[in-house]
């Protein structure tokens, strides 16, 4: 098993979640693809399609999101995307307001220095941020 999957399962158990085969397969899928995925993409993935139905995947994603293990991305009226949250590592995303496509920002994060300053001035611990930029992708702007 991938070490990141094992670490994430340990985080889930520490948060009070029960380890299940469906959880293992869902987390492994998110680690392997290394990109945000929709509920449909996850439910139809090779690891999960034979394991459980779409409703089970949805409920599991909801619990993982509530526990801070998975991040929900996207526009409210569009299909939501889900990405694994890994302590000490984060990604910022570009989201198209027309088609709902999502992609990682391929540039240094502009907020790290601000985050350090806020941490020093306020004394907050375990501080983190999530950035989502919204606009029209080149394909839709065409």
C-alpha atoms as a PDB file:
ATOM      1  CA  UNK A   1       0.000   0.000   0.000  1.00  0.00           C
ATOM      2  CA  UNK A   2       1.207   3.527  -0.836  1.00  0.00           C
ATOM      3  CA  UNK A   3       2.670   5.242   2.261  1.00  0.00           C
ATOM      4  CA  UNK A   4       0.495   8.332   1.680  1.00  0.00           C
ATOM      5  CA  UNK A   5      -2.626   6.150   1.666  1.00  0.00           C
ATOM      6  CA  UNK A   6      -1.514   4.491   4.930  1.00  0.00           C
ATOM      7  CA  UNK A   7      -0.813   7.885   6.556  1.00  0.00           C
ATOM      8  CA  UNK A   8      -4.207   9.182   5.434  1.00  0.00           C
ATOM      9  CA  UNK A   9      -5.993   6.109   6.788  1.00  0.00           C
ATOM     10  CA  UNK A  10      -4.239   6.728  10.123  1.00  0.00           C
ATOM     11  CA  UNK A  11      -5.501  10.351  10.050  1.00  0.00           C
ATOM     12  CA  UNK A  12      -9.033   9.080   9.371  1.00  0.00           C
ATOM     13  CA  UNK A  13      -8.890   6.627  12.266  1.00  0.00           C
ATOM     14  CA  UNK A  14      -7.529   9.341  14.582  1.00  0.00           C
ATOM     15  CA  UNK A  15     -10.546  11.446  13.539  1.00  0.00           C
ATOM     16  CA  UNK A  16     -12.866   8.638  14.620  1.00  0.00           C
ATOM     17  CA  UNK A  17     -13.604   7.064  11.233  1.00  0.00           C
ATOM     18  CA  UNK A  18     -13.783   3.338  10.734  1.00  0.00           C
ATOM     19  CA  UNK A  19     -11.352   1.819   8.229  1.00  0.00           C
ATOM     20  CA  UNK A  20     -13.240   0.209   5.367  1.00  0.00           C
ATOM     21  CA  UNK A  21     -12.241  -1.298   2.032  1.00  0.00           C
ATOM     22  CA  UNK A  22     -14.216   1.470   0.275  1.00  0.00           C
ATOM     23  CA  UNK A  23     -12.281   4.147   2.171  1.00  0.00           C
ATOM     24  CA  UNK A  24      -8.952   2.513   1.285  1.00  0.00           C
ATOM     25  CA  UNK A  25      -9.887   2.316  -2.399  1.00  0.00           C
ATOM     26  CA  UNK A  26     -11.201   5.898  -2.495  1.00  0.00           C
ATOM     27  CA  UNK A  27      -8.044   7.272  -0.883  1.00  0.00           C
ATOM     28  CA  UNK A  28      -5.817   5.160  -3.155  1.00  0.00           C
ATOM     29  CA  UNK A  29      -7.670   6.513  -6.208  1.00  0.00           C
ATOM     30  CA  UNK A  30      -7.192  10.129  -5.095  1.00  0.00           C
ATOM     31  CA  UNK A  31      -3.482   9.511  -4.427  1.00  0.00           C
ATOM     32  CA  UNK A  32      -2.922   7.730  -7.762  1.00  0.00           C
ATOM     33  CA  UNK A  33      -4.652  10.331  -9.933  1.00  0.00           C
ATOM     34  CA  UNK A  34      -3.143  13.293  -8.024  1.00  0.00           C
ATOM     35  CA  UNK A  35      -5.854  15.650  -9.339  1.00  0.00           C
ATOM     36  CA  UNK A  36      -9.322  16.693  -8.205  1.00  0.00           C
ATOM     37  CA  UNK A  37     -12.031  14.249  -9.315  1.00  0.00           C
ATOM     38  CA  UNK A  38     -15.820  14.421  -9.503  1.00  0.00           C
ATOM     39  CA  UNK A  39     -18.123  12.049  -7.625  1.00  0.00           C
ATOM     40  CA  UNK A  40     -18.924  10.288 -10.925  1.00  0.00           C
ATOM     41  CA  UNK A  41     -15.249   9.881 -11.836  1.00  0.00           C
ATOM     42  CA  UNK A  42     -14.521   8.389  -8.418  1.00  0.00           C
ATOM     43  CA  UNK A  43     -17.570   6.082  -8.386  1.00  0.00           C
ATOM     44  CA  UNK A  44     -16.735   4.812 -11.895  1.00  0.00           C
ATOM     45  CA  UNK A  45     -12.991   4.382 -11.223  1.00  0.00           C
ATOM     46  CA  UNK A  46     -11.609   0.832 -11.519  1.00  0.00           C
ATOM     47  CA  UNK A  47     -10.877   0.603  -7.784  1.00  0.00           C
ATOM     48  CA  UNK A  48     -14.389   1.654  -6.693  1.00  0.00           C
ATOM     49  CA  UNK A  49     -16.848   0.618  -9.422  1.00  0.00           C
ATOM     50  CA  UNK A  50     -16.971  -3.001  -8.184  1.00  0.00           C
ATOM     51  CA  UNK A  51     -16.522  -2.049  -4.517  1.00  0.00           C
ATOM     52  CA  UNK A  52     -19.547   0.183  -3.797  1.00  0.00           C
ATOM     53  CA  UNK A  53     -22.297   2.292  -5.341  1.00  0.00           C
ATOM     54  CA  UNK A  54     -22.283   6.038  -6.038  1.00  0.00           C
ATOM     55  CA  UNK A  55     -24.326   6.823  -2.901  1.00  0.00           C
ATOM     56  CA  UNK A  56     -21.735   5.090  -0.702  1.00  0.00           C
ATOM     57  CA  UNK A  57     -18.914   7.035  -2.383  1.00  0.00           C
ATOM     58  CA  UNK A  58     -20.880  10.270  -1.831  1.00  0.00           C
ATOM     59  CA  UNK A  59     -21.426   9.562   1.870  1.00  0.00           C
ATOM     60  CA  UNK A  60     -17.770   8.655   2.313  1.00  0.00           C
ATOM     61  CA  UNK A  61     -16.662  11.862   0.564  1.00  0.00           C
ATOM     62  CA  UNK A  62     -18.972  13.889   2.820  1.00  0.00           C
ATOM     63  CA  UNK A  63     -17.448  12.329   5.963  1.00  0.00           C
ATOM     64  CA  UNK A  64     -13.891  12.768   4.667  1.00  0.00           C
ATOM     65  CA  UNK A  65     -14.635  16.415   3.864  1.00  0.00           C
ATOM     66  CA  UNK A  66     -16.127  17.019   7.336  1.00  0.00           C
ATOM     67  CA  UNK A  67     -13.009  15.489   8.933  1.00  0.00           C
ATOM     68  CA  UNK A  68     -10.659  17.672   6.856  1.00  0.00           C
ATOM     69  CA  UNK A  69      -9.151  14.773   4.917  1.00  0.00           C
ATOM     70  CA  UNK A  70     -10.662  15.721   1.554  1.00  0.00           C
ATOM     71  CA  UNK A  71     -11.250  19.180   0.082  1.00  0.00           C
ATOM     72  CA  UNK A  72     -14.392  19.967  -1.911  1.00  0.00           C
ATOM     73  CA  UNK A  73     -13.715  22.292  -4.847  1.00  0.00           C
ATOM     74  CA  UNK A  74     -15.808  23.878  -7.547  1.00  0.00           C
ATOM     75  CA  UNK A  75     -18.835  25.990  -8.185  1.00  0.00           C
ATOM     76  CA  UNK A  76     -22.017  25.322  -6.259  1.00  0.00           C
ATOM     77  CA  UNK A  77     -24.186  24.848  -9.355  1.00  0.00           C
ATOM     78  CA  UNK A  78     -21.587  22.669 -11.084  1.00  0.00           C
ATOM     79  CA  UNK A  79     -20.296  19.214 -10.242  1.00  0.00           C
ATOM     80  CA  UNK A  80     -18.083  19.310  -7.190  1.00  0.00           C
ATOM     81  CA  UNK A  81     -14.530  18.077  -7.373  1.00  0.00           C
ATOM     82  CA  UNK A  82     -12.747  16.373  -4.505  1.00  0.00           C
ATOM     83  CA  UNK A  83      -9.018  16.406  -3.719  1.00  0.00           C
ATOM     84  CA  UNK A  84      -6.998  14.800  -0.946  1.00  0.00           C
ATOM     85  CA  UNK A  85      -5.687  17.210   1.709  1.00  0.00           C
ATOM     86  CA  UNK A  86      -2.130  16.315   2.710  1.00  0.00           C
ATOM     87  CA  UNK A  87      -0.624  18.005   5.784  1.00  0.00           C
ATOM     88  CA  UNK A  88       2.290  20.235   4.838  1.00  0.00           C
ATOM     89  CA  UNK A  89       1.342  20.266   1.154  1.00  0.00           C
ATOM     90  CA  UNK A  90      -1.315  22.243  -0.633  1.00  0.00           C
ATOM     91  CA  UNK A  91      -2.439  23.279  -4.084  1.00  0.00           C
ATOM     92  CA  UNK A  92      -4.297  26.299  -5.347  1.00  0.00           C
ATOM     93  CA  UNK A  93      -6.768  25.897  -8.216  1.00  0.00           C
ATOM     94  CA  UNK A  94      -8.183  27.693 -11.264  1.00  0.00           C
ATOM     95  CA  UNK A  95     -11.897  27.038 -11.828  1.00  0.00           C
ATOM     96  CA  UNK A  96     -13.743  27.977 -15.031  1.00  0.00           C
ATOM     97  CA  UNK A  97     -17.057  29.722 -14.338  1.00  0.00           C
ATOM     98  CA  UNK A  98     -18.394  28.592 -17.727  1.00  0.00           C
ATOM     99  CA  UNK A  99     -17.636  24.848 -17.995  1.00  0.00           C
ATOM    100  CA  UNK A 100     -16.590  24.116 -14.403  1.00  0.00           C
ATOM    101  CA  UNK A 101     -13.192  22.695 -15.403  1.00  0.00           C
ATOM    102  CA  UNK A 102     -10.550  22.747 -12.709  1.00  0.00           C
ATOM    103  CA  UNK A 103      -6.760  22.770 -12.804  1.00  0.00           C
ATOM    104  CA  UNK A 104      -3.921  23.341 -10.380  1.00  0.00           C
ATOM    105  CA  UNK A 105      -2.202  26.728 -10.432  1.00  0.00           C
ATOM    106  CA  UNK A 106       1.293  26.194 -11.789  1.00  0.00           C
ATOM    107  CA  UNK A 107       2.931  29.129  -9.990  1.00  0.00           C
ATOM    108  CA  UNK A 108       4.398  29.746  -6.550  1.00  0.00           C
ATOM    109  CA  UNK A 109       1.765  30.410  -3.904  1.00  0.00           C
ATOM    110  CA  UNK A 110       1.591  34.139  -3.084  1.00  0.00           C
ATOM    111  CA  UNK A 111       0.105  33.596   0.379  1.00  0.00           C
ATOM    112  CA  UNK A 112       2.852  31.694   2.243  1.00  0.00           C
ATOM    113  CA  UNK A 113       4.587  34.849   3.494  1.00  0.00           C
ATOM    114  CA  UNK A 114       1.261  36.326   4.617  1.00  0.00           C
ATOM    115  CA  UNK A 115       0.419  33.052   6.367  1.00  0.00           C
ATOM    116  CA  UNK A 116       3.751  33.181   8.261  1.00  0.00           C
ATOM    117  CA  UNK A 117       3.116  36.800   9.259  1.00  0.00           C
ATOM    118  CA  UNK A 118      -0.404  35.986  10.496  1.00  0.00           C
ATOM    119  CA  UNK A 119       0.937  32.994  12.458  1.00  0.00           C
ATOM    120  CA  UNK A 120       3.592  35.171  14.147  1.00  0.00           C
ATOM    121  CA  UNK A 121       1.220  38.047  14.955  1.00  0.00           C
ATOM    122  CA  UNK A 122      -1.724  35.989  16.190  1.00  0.00           C
ATOM    123  CA  UNK A 123      -0.124  32.888  17.696  1.00  0.00           C
ATOM    124  CA  UNK A 124      -2.436  30.626  15.659  1.00  0.00           C
ATOM    125  CA  UNK A 125      -1.132  27.095  15.180  1.00  0.00           C
ATOM    126  CA  UNK A 126      -1.847  24.629  12.371  1.00  0.00           C
ATOM    127  CA  UNK A 127      -2.660  27.601  10.138  1.00  0.00           C
ATOM    128  CA  UNK A 128      -3.428  26.795   6.508  1.00  0.00           C
ATOM    129  CA  UNK A 129      -5.176  28.338   3.533  1.00  0.00           C
ATOM    130  CA  UNK A 130      -6.981  27.250   0.404  1.00  0.00           C
ATOM    131  CA  UNK A 131      -7.124  29.408  -2.727  1.00  0.00           C
ATOM    132  CA  UNK A 132      -9.507  29.036  -5.630  1.00  0.00           C
ATOM    133  CA  UNK A 133      -9.320  31.445  -8.547  1.00  0.00           C
ATOM    134  CA  UNK A 134     -12.400  31.792 -10.754  1.00  0.00           C
ATOM    135  CA  UNK A 135     -12.508  32.915 -14.379  1.00  0.00           C
ATOM    136  CA  UNK A 136     -13.155  31.780 -17.935  1.00  0.00           C
ATOM    137  CA  UNK A 137     -10.813  29.110 -19.312  1.00  0.00           C
ATOM    138  CA  UNK A 138      -9.195  29.590 -22.771  1.00  0.00           C
ATOM    139  CA  UNK A 139     -11.494  26.960 -24.358  1.00  0.00           C
ATOM    140  CA  UNK A 140     -14.647  28.801 -23.193  1.00  0.00           C
ATOM    141  CA  UNK A 141     -13.249  32.289 -23.870  1.00  0.00           C
ATOM    142  CA  UNK A 142     -12.459  31.191 -27.469  1.00  0.00           C
END
